[in-house]
Amino acid sequence: MGARHCLSHLGGRNDCGQNMSTNTTAAPRRAFANIDLRAVAPFFALAVLFLLGALVNTNFLGIDNLLNVLTRSAFIAIIAIGATFVISAGGLDLSVGSMAAFVAGTMILFMNTGTVTGDYALLGVAMLIALGIGGLCGLANGLMTTLGRIEPFIVTLGTMGIFRALTIYLAEGGSIPMKSQALRAAYRPVYFGSVAGVPIPVIVILVVAAIGAFILYRTRFGRHVMAVGSNEDVARYSGVSVNRVRTMTYVIQGICVAIAVLVYVPRLGAATPTTGLLWELQAITAVVIGGTALRGGVGRIWGTVCGALILELVGNIMVLSDLVSEYLIGAVQGAIIIIAMLIQRSLARR
């Protein structure tokens, strides 16, 4: 029936066959055109970096080196996951590095008091306090941004100075070390330990990313975050509480900062006024590299994790190659965010 219709309508078998061939060829083209290059680009860049690293130094692909890179990327990756929520909702947080220093300092000061009996009990309470302080810092940023109707850039620029100054005050211009050697030994495995050969910080990254991806992609709150970032007015007319959603993204950011601190503190066993310096630049860079739009409305959790890994790989390759001084890592990261924004903008126009 279909063949007779084709013959009668087009006047011959050859015409029908040619039309079918054209449709068959066009299908893969349409499928390729539907691929979001901004989502794929970070993983392609990661593969290129692996190839480059292998060419630069034969030790690059060693298990020890790769696990070290993954472990060192934990702090920025976890913080950047929180930043993905904030930026997806149309916000910005420049205070994450200073917040990390403040949370770490207050956490260590509490542990030094020894008010809880037992090392592990004291560690558990200190971790809960760190999470609470991180959440409260994020809540403060969120409320000043939404209820105060102040630009996020200005609010978090101000709190960045406040948190850093408070850390310097608590440290009295020096550092805040963990005094108990027994407590430090009990806490050490959180950074240096592993489970089935996988470093604990890497496990923490995967768990936080999985939870973040579920919240952002599979829950009503996640859909509201995207809606607020895409168009605040439309979201408000649709019944979304814009202020509540934006405030909650800053709370999530604060909690992610605290989780990163929990992993960071056992590494050095101390907090200093320079703790978390430039972490805000690295976190935002990881988010942008991962394909999240700075204007809001688009958030990619796994892309963000990939972006954090890319930043650490770039630094690792610079150290192994000796082609560029490791003191220029910050300059390279600054250049990367500019290049990533240019690429993101060019892809958005297509």
Protein backbone atom coordinates (compact mmCIF):
# COMPACT_ATOMS: atom_id res chain seq x y z
CA MET A 1 0.00 0.00 0.00
CA GLY A 2 2.81 2.39 0.99
CA ALA A 3 4.84 1.45 -2.13
CA ARG A 4 1.89 2.06 -4.51
CA HIS A 5 1.24 5.41 -2.83
CA CYS A 6 4.88 6.35 -3.29
CA LEU A 7 4.80 5.38 -6.98
CA SER A 8 1.57 7.18 -7.72
CA HIS A 9 2.56 10.29 -5.83
CA LEU A 10 6.15 10.68 -7.02
CA GLY A 11 5.84 8.97 -10.41
CA GLY A 12 8.44 6.20 -10.06
CA ARG A 13 10.46 3.85 -7.93
CA ASN A 14 13.69 5.81 -8.34
CA ASP A 15 12.14 9.03 -6.98
CA CYS A 16 10.79 7.18 -3.95
CA GLY A 17 14.10 5.51 -3.27
CA GLN A 18 15.96 8.78 -3.55
CA ASN A 19 13.63 10.47 -1.09
CA MET A 20 14.06 7.64 1.42
CA SER A 21 17.84 7.87 1.06
CA THR A 22 17.76 11.59 1.73
CA ASN A 23 15.72 11.09 4.91
CA THR A 24 18.09 8.36 6.09
CA THR A 25 21.09 10.65 5.61
CA ALA A 26 19.41 13.60 7.30
CA ALA A 27 18.57 11.61 10.45
CA PRO A 28 22.17 11.31 11.75
CA ARG A 29 22.72 14.98 10.95
CA ARG A 30 19.73 15.97 13.03
CA ALA A 31 20.89 13.68 15.85
CA PHE A 32 24.34 15.29 15.79
CA ALA A 33 22.81 18.77 15.73
CA ASN A 34 20.81 17.95 18.87
CA ILE A 35 23.99 17.24 20.88
CA ASP A 36 24.63 19.99 23.43
CA LEU A 37 28.25 20.86 22.78
CA ARG A 38 28.48 22.85 26.02
CA ALA A 39 27.69 19.69 27.99
CA VAL A 40 30.17 17.53 26.06
CA ALA A 41 33.03 20.06 25.80
CA PRO A 42 34.36 19.67 29.41
CA PHE A 43 34.75 15.91 29.04
CA PHE A 44 36.42 16.31 25.66
CA ALA A 45 38.83 18.83 27.20
CA LEU A 46 39.52 16.39 30.04
CA ALA A 47 40.42 13.66 27.52
CA VAL A 48 42.75 16.06 25.69
CA LEU A 49 44.47 16.93 28.97
CA PHE A 50 45.02 13.25 29.75
CA LEU A 51 46.63 12.82 26.35
CA LEU A 52 48.78 15.92 26.82
CA GLY A 53 49.85 14.84 30.30
CA ALA A 54 50.86 11.41 29.04
CA LEU A 55 52.99 13.01 26.32
CA VAL A 56 54.64 15.47 28.71
CA ASN A 57 55.61 12.99 31.42
CA THR A 58 55.41 9.21 31.53
CA ASN A 59 54.62 9.35 35.25
CA PHE A 60 51.43 11.32 34.62
CA LEU A 61 49.24 8.24 34.08
CA GLY A 62 50.61 6.51 37.16
CA ILE A 63 47.96 5.43 39.68
CA ASP A 64 49.61 7.36 42.50
CA ASN A 65 49.70 10.59 40.50
CA LEU A 66 46.09 10.31 39.30
CA LEU A 67 44.79 9.49 42.78
CA ASN A 68 46.73 12.47 44.12
CA VAL A 69 45.13 14.73 41.49
CA LEU A 70 41.66 13.44 42.34
CA THR A 71 42.25 13.90 46.07
CA ARG A 72 43.61 17.44 45.71
CA SER A 73 40.65 18.44 43.54
CA ALA A 74 38.19 17.49 46.29
CA PHE A 75 38.02 20.90 48.01
CA ILE A 76 37.24 22.90 44.87
CA ALA A 77 34.94 20.23 43.42
CA ILE A 78 32.75 20.10 46.53
CA ILE A 79 32.57 23.89 46.84
CA ALA A 80 31.89 24.22 43.10
CA ILE A 81 28.93 21.84 43.38
CA GLY A 82 27.35 24.31 45.78
CA ALA A 83 28.30 27.18 43.47
CA THR A 84 26.45 25.40 40.66
CA PHE A 85 23.19 25.82 42.59
CA VAL A 86 23.86 29.50 43.30
CA ILE A 87 24.87 30.36 39.74
CA SER A 88 22.06 28.29 38.20
CA ALA A 89 19.60 30.42 40.18
CA GLY A 90 21.18 33.62 38.87
CA GLY A 91 23.34 34.36 41.92
CA LEU A 92 27.05 34.56 42.72
CA ASP A 93 29.14 33.89 45.83
CA LEU A 94 32.62 35.40 46.13
CA SER A 95 32.96 34.61 49.83
CA VAL A 96 33.50 30.84 49.69
CA GLY A 97 37.28 30.96 50.26
CA SER A 98 37.03 33.28 53.26
CA MET A 99 34.04 31.30 54.54
CA ALA A 100 36.13 28.12 54.40
CA ALA A 101 38.86 29.74 56.48
CA PHE A 102 36.32 30.98 59.05
CA VAL A 103 34.55 27.61 59.31
CA ALA A 104 37.89 25.79 59.64
CA GLY A 105 39.10 28.20 62.32
CA THR A 106 35.97 27.96 64.47
CA MET A 107 35.89 24.17 64.08
CA ILE A 108 39.49 23.79 65.27
CA LEU A 109 38.96 26.22 68.16
CA PHE A 110 36.05 24.10 69.34
CA MET A 111 38.10 20.91 69.10
CA ASN A 112 40.88 22.57 71.11
CA THR A 113 38.46 23.22 73.98
CA GLY A 114 38.04 19.47 74.55
CA THR A 115 34.58 20.00 76.01
CA VAL A 116 33.37 16.60 74.74
CA THR A 117 34.79 13.36 76.14
CA GLY A 118 36.36 11.01 73.59
CA ASP A 119 38.24 11.90 70.41
CA TYR A 120 35.66 10.52 68.00
CA ALA A 121 32.75 12.07 69.88
CA LEU A 122 34.55 15.43 69.86
CA LEU A 123 35.23 15.08 66.14
CA GLY A 124 31.59 14.27 65.46
CA VAL A 125 30.30 17.30 67.35
CA ALA A 126 32.93 19.55 65.72
CA MET A 127 31.84 18.37 62.28
CA LEU A 128 28.20 19.13 63.05
CA ILE A 129 29.20 22.58 64.29
CA ALA A 130 31.17 23.20 61.07
CA LEU A 131 28.16 22.21 58.96
CA GLY A 132 25.93 24.47 61.04
CA ILE A 133 28.28 27.45 60.75
CA GLY A 134 28.62 26.91 57.00
CA GLY A 135 24.85 26.79 56.60
CA LEU A 136 24.39 29.95 58.69
CA CYS A 137 27.04 31.81 56.67
CA GLY A 138 25.23 30.80 53.49
CA LEU A 139 21.90 31.83 55.00
CA ALA A 140 23.30 35.27 55.85
CA ASN A 141 24.48 35.72 52.25
CA GLY A 142 21.12 34.58 50.92
CA LEU A 143 18.99 36.80 53.17
CA MET A 144 21.06 39.90 52.50
CA THR A 145 20.79 39.23 48.78
CA THR A 146 17.06 38.51 48.67
CA LEU A 147 15.46 40.47 51.54
CA GLY A 148 18.04 43.25 51.40
CA ARG A 149 17.69 43.45 47.61
CA ILE A 150 21.43 43.91 47.20
CA GLU A 151 23.40 42.58 44.26
CA PRO A 152 25.02 39.21 45.09
CA PHE A 153 28.38 40.53 43.91
CA ILE A 154 28.29 43.32 46.51
CA VAL A 155 26.95 41.16 49.35
CA THR A 156 29.45 38.36 48.95
CA LEU A 157 32.30 40.78 48.32
CA GLY A 158 31.47 42.31 51.70
CA THR A 159 31.13 38.99 53.52
CA MET A 160 34.37 37.82 51.91
CA GLY A 161 36.15 40.60 53.82
CA ILE A 162 34.16 39.93 56.99
CA PHE A 163 34.87 36.19 57.12
CA ARG A 164 38.57 36.71 56.37
CA ALA A 165 38.87 39.41 59.04
CA LEU A 166 37.12 37.21 61.62
CA THR A 167 39.57 34.40 60.85
CA ILE A 168 42.54 36.72 61.34
CA TYR A 169 41.00 37.92 64.62
CA LEU A 170 40.45 34.38 65.90
CA ALA A 171 43.99 33.41 64.89
CA GLU A 172 45.40 36.64 66.38
CA GLY A 173 47.28 37.20 63.15
CA GLY A 174 48.85 33.71 63.17
CA SER A 175 47.43 30.24 62.73
CA ILE A 176 44.94 28.03 64.58
CA PRO A 177 46.48 24.55 64.93
CA MET A 178 44.92 21.41 66.37
CA LYS A 179 46.58 21.02 69.78
CA SER A 180 45.76 17.38 70.51
CA GLN A 181 48.03 14.95 68.67
CA ALA A 182 45.66 12.09 69.47
CA LEU A 183 42.75 13.99 67.94
CA ARG A 184 44.84 14.84 64.89
CA ALA A 185 45.74 11.17 64.46
CA ALA A 186 42.08 10.17 64.73
CA TYR A 187 41.07 12.80 62.15
CA ARG A 188 43.93 12.14 59.70
CA PRO A 189 42.25 9.24 57.79
CA VAL A 190 39.47 11.55 56.56
CA TYR A 191 41.96 13.01 54.07
CA PHE A 192 44.73 10.40 53.87
CA GLY A 193 42.62 7.25 54.27
CA SER A 194 40.98 5.14 51.57
CA VAL A 195 38.22 2.57 51.12
CA ALA A 196 38.98 -0.33 48.74
CA GLY A 197 41.86 1.69 47.36
CA VAL A 198 39.74 4.78 46.67
CA PRO A 199 40.77 7.88 48.68
CA ILE A 200 38.06 9.09 51.06
CA PRO A 201 38.03 12.65 49.57
CA VAL A 202 37.21 11.11 46.16
CA ILE A 203 34.34 9.18 47.72
CA VAL A 204 33.08 12.39 49.31
CA ILE A 205 33.15 14.12 45.89
CA LEU A 206 31.10 11.35 44.31
CA VAL A 207 28.55 11.28 47.15
CA VAL A 208 28.10 15.07 47.21
CA ALA A 209 27.86 15.21 43.41
CA ALA A 210 25.30 12.38 43.30
CA ILE A 211 23.15 14.10 45.94
CA GLY A 212 23.52 17.46 44.20
CA ALA A 213 22.60 15.98 40.81
CA PHE A 214 19.54 14.28 42.29
CA ILE A 215 18.35 17.51 43.93
CA LEU A 216 18.99 19.66 40.85
CA TYR A 217 17.60 17.27 38.22
CA ARG A 218 15.01 15.14 40.01
CA THR A 219 13.26 17.36 42.55
CA ARG A 220 10.79 20.22 42.42
CA PHE A 221 13.31 22.46 44.15
CA GLY A 222 15.83 21.78 41.38
CA ARG A 223 13.28 22.70 38.71
CA HIS A 224 12.52 25.89 40.62
CA VAL A 225 16.24 26.74 40.74
CA MET A 226 16.43 26.46 36.95
CA ALA A 227 13.23 28.45 36.52
CA VAL A 228 14.42 31.30 38.74
CA GLY A 229 17.74 31.45 36.91
CA SER A 230 16.06 31.39 33.49
CA ASN A 231 13.50 34.10 34.13
CA GLU A 232 12.81 35.43 37.59
CA ASP A 233 9.55 37.17 36.66
CA VAL A 234 8.06 34.17 34.88
CA ALA A 235 9.01 31.95 37.82
CA ARG A 236 7.34 34.34 40.26
CA TYR A 237 4.14 34.49 38.17
CA SER A 238 4.17 30.67 38.10
CA GLY A 239 3.97 30.57 41.90
CA VAL A 240 7.64 29.98 42.67
CA SER A 241 8.96 31.66 45.82
CA VAL A 242 11.99 33.29 44.21
CA ASN A 243 13.48 34.62 47.45
CA ARG A 244 13.17 31.27 49.22
CA VAL A 245 14.72 29.36 46.34
CA ARG A 246 17.64 31.76 45.99
CA THR A 247 18.24 31.81 49.75
CA MET A 248 18.29 28.01 49.86
CA THR A 249 20.92 27.88 47.11
CA TYR A 250 23.23 29.99 49.30
CA VAL A 251 22.55 27.69 52.25
CA ILE A 252 23.52 24.72 50.06
CA GLN A 253 26.66 26.61 49.08
CA GLY A 254 27.54 27.15 52.73
CA ILE A 255 27.02 23.48 53.57
CA CYS A 256 29.21 22.44 50.63
CA VAL A 257 31.94 24.81 51.89
CA ALA A 258 31.69 23.17 55.31
CA ILE A 259 31.95 19.66 53.80
CA ALA A 260 35.07 20.76 51.91
CA VAL A 261 36.49 22.06 55.19
CA LEU A 262 35.84 18.71 56.88
CA VAL A 263 38.05 17.10 54.25
CA TYR A 264 40.63 19.91 54.24
CA VAL A 265 41.39 20.31 57.96
CA PRO A 266 43.05 16.88 58.51
CA ARG A 267 45.41 17.61 55.62
CA LEU A 268 47.31 20.36 57.46
CA GLY A 269 45.75 20.20 60.91
CA ALA A 270 45.48 23.98 61.09
CA ALA A 271 43.66 27.03 59.77
CA THR A 272 45.44 30.24 58.77
CA PRO A 273 44.39 33.64 57.41
CA THR A 274 45.42 32.40 53.94
CA THR A 275 43.29 29.25 54.08
CA GLY A 276 40.95 29.12 51.08
CA LEU A 277 42.72 31.97 49.29
CA LEU A 278 41.42 32.28 45.69
CA TRP A 279 39.11 29.29 46.15
CA GLU A 280 36.25 31.46 44.89
CA LEU A 281 38.08 31.99 41.58
CA GLN A 282 38.74 28.27 41.20
CA ALA A 283 35.17 27.29 42.13
CA ILE A 284 33.59 29.72 39.66
CA THR A 285 36.07 28.63 36.99
CA ALA A 286 35.15 24.97 37.55
CA VAL A 287 31.46 25.81 37.24
CA VAL A 288 31.96 27.77 34.01
CA ILE A 289 34.23 25.12 32.48
CA GLY A 290 31.60 22.53 33.35
CA GLY A 291 29.01 24.23 31.15
CA THR A 292 26.87 26.03 33.72
CA ALA A 293 25.77 29.41 32.37
CA LEU A 294 26.82 32.40 34.47
CA ARG A 295 23.58 34.13 33.51
CA GLY A 296 21.64 31.31 35.24
CA GLY A 297 19.07 28.79 34.11
CA VAL A 298 21.55 26.04 33.17
CA GLY A 299 23.32 23.86 35.74
CA ARG A 300 25.54 20.83 35.21
CA ILE A 301 26.75 19.10 38.37
CA TRP A 302 28.92 16.44 36.73
CA GLY A 303 30.32 19.04 34.35
CA THR A 304 31.34 21.08 37.38
CA VAL A 305 33.18 18.10 38.88
CA CYS A 306 34.90 17.63 35.53
CA GLY A 307 35.84 21.33 35.55
CA ALA A 308 37.44 21.05 39.00
CA LEU A 309 39.42 18.03 37.85
CA ILE A 310 40.56 19.94 34.76
CA LEU A 311 41.91 22.76 36.92
CA GLU A 312 43.88 20.33 39.07
CA LEU A 313 45.17 18.47 36.02
CA VAL A 314 46.40 21.72 34.48
CA GLY A 315 48.38 22.48 37.63
CA ASN A 316 49.70 18.93 37.78
CA ILE A 317 50.86 19.02 34.15
CA MET A 318 52.56 22.37 34.75
CA VAL A 319 54.50 20.93 37.68
CA LEU A 320 55.47 17.73 35.83
CA SER A 321 56.48 19.45 32.59
CA ASP A 322 58.61 22.30 33.98
CA LEU A 323 57.58 24.27 30.89
CA VAL A 324 55.75 26.90 32.94
CA SER A 325 56.48 27.96 36.50
CA GLU A 326 54.07 26.54 39.07
CA TYR A 327 53.83 30.05 40.52
CA LEU A 328 51.83 30.99 37.42
CA ILE A 329 49.07 28.45 38.10
CA GLY A 330 46.76 31.22 39.33
CA ALA A 331 47.38 33.21 36.13
CA VAL A 332 46.64 30.16 34.00
CA GLN A 333 43.40 29.51 35.91
CA GLY A 334 42.38 33.13 35.41
CA ALA A 335 43.01 32.78 31.68
CA ILE A 336 41.04 29.53 31.60
CA ILE A 337 37.86 31.16 32.95
CA ILE A 338 38.09 33.91 30.31
CA ILE A 339 38.62 31.37 27.52
CA ALA A 340 35.81 29.19 28.88
CA MET A 341 33.42 32.15 28.84
CA LEU A 342 34.36 32.98 25.24
CA ILE A 343 33.79 29.37 24.17
CA GLN A 344 30.51 29.19 26.09
CA ARG A 345 29.27 32.36 24.42
CA SER A 346 30.26 31.19 20.94
CA LEU A 347 28.50 27.84 21.45
CA ALA A 348 25.37 29.60 22.74
CA ARG A 349 25.07 31.52 19.46
CA ARG A 350 24.85 28.32 17.40
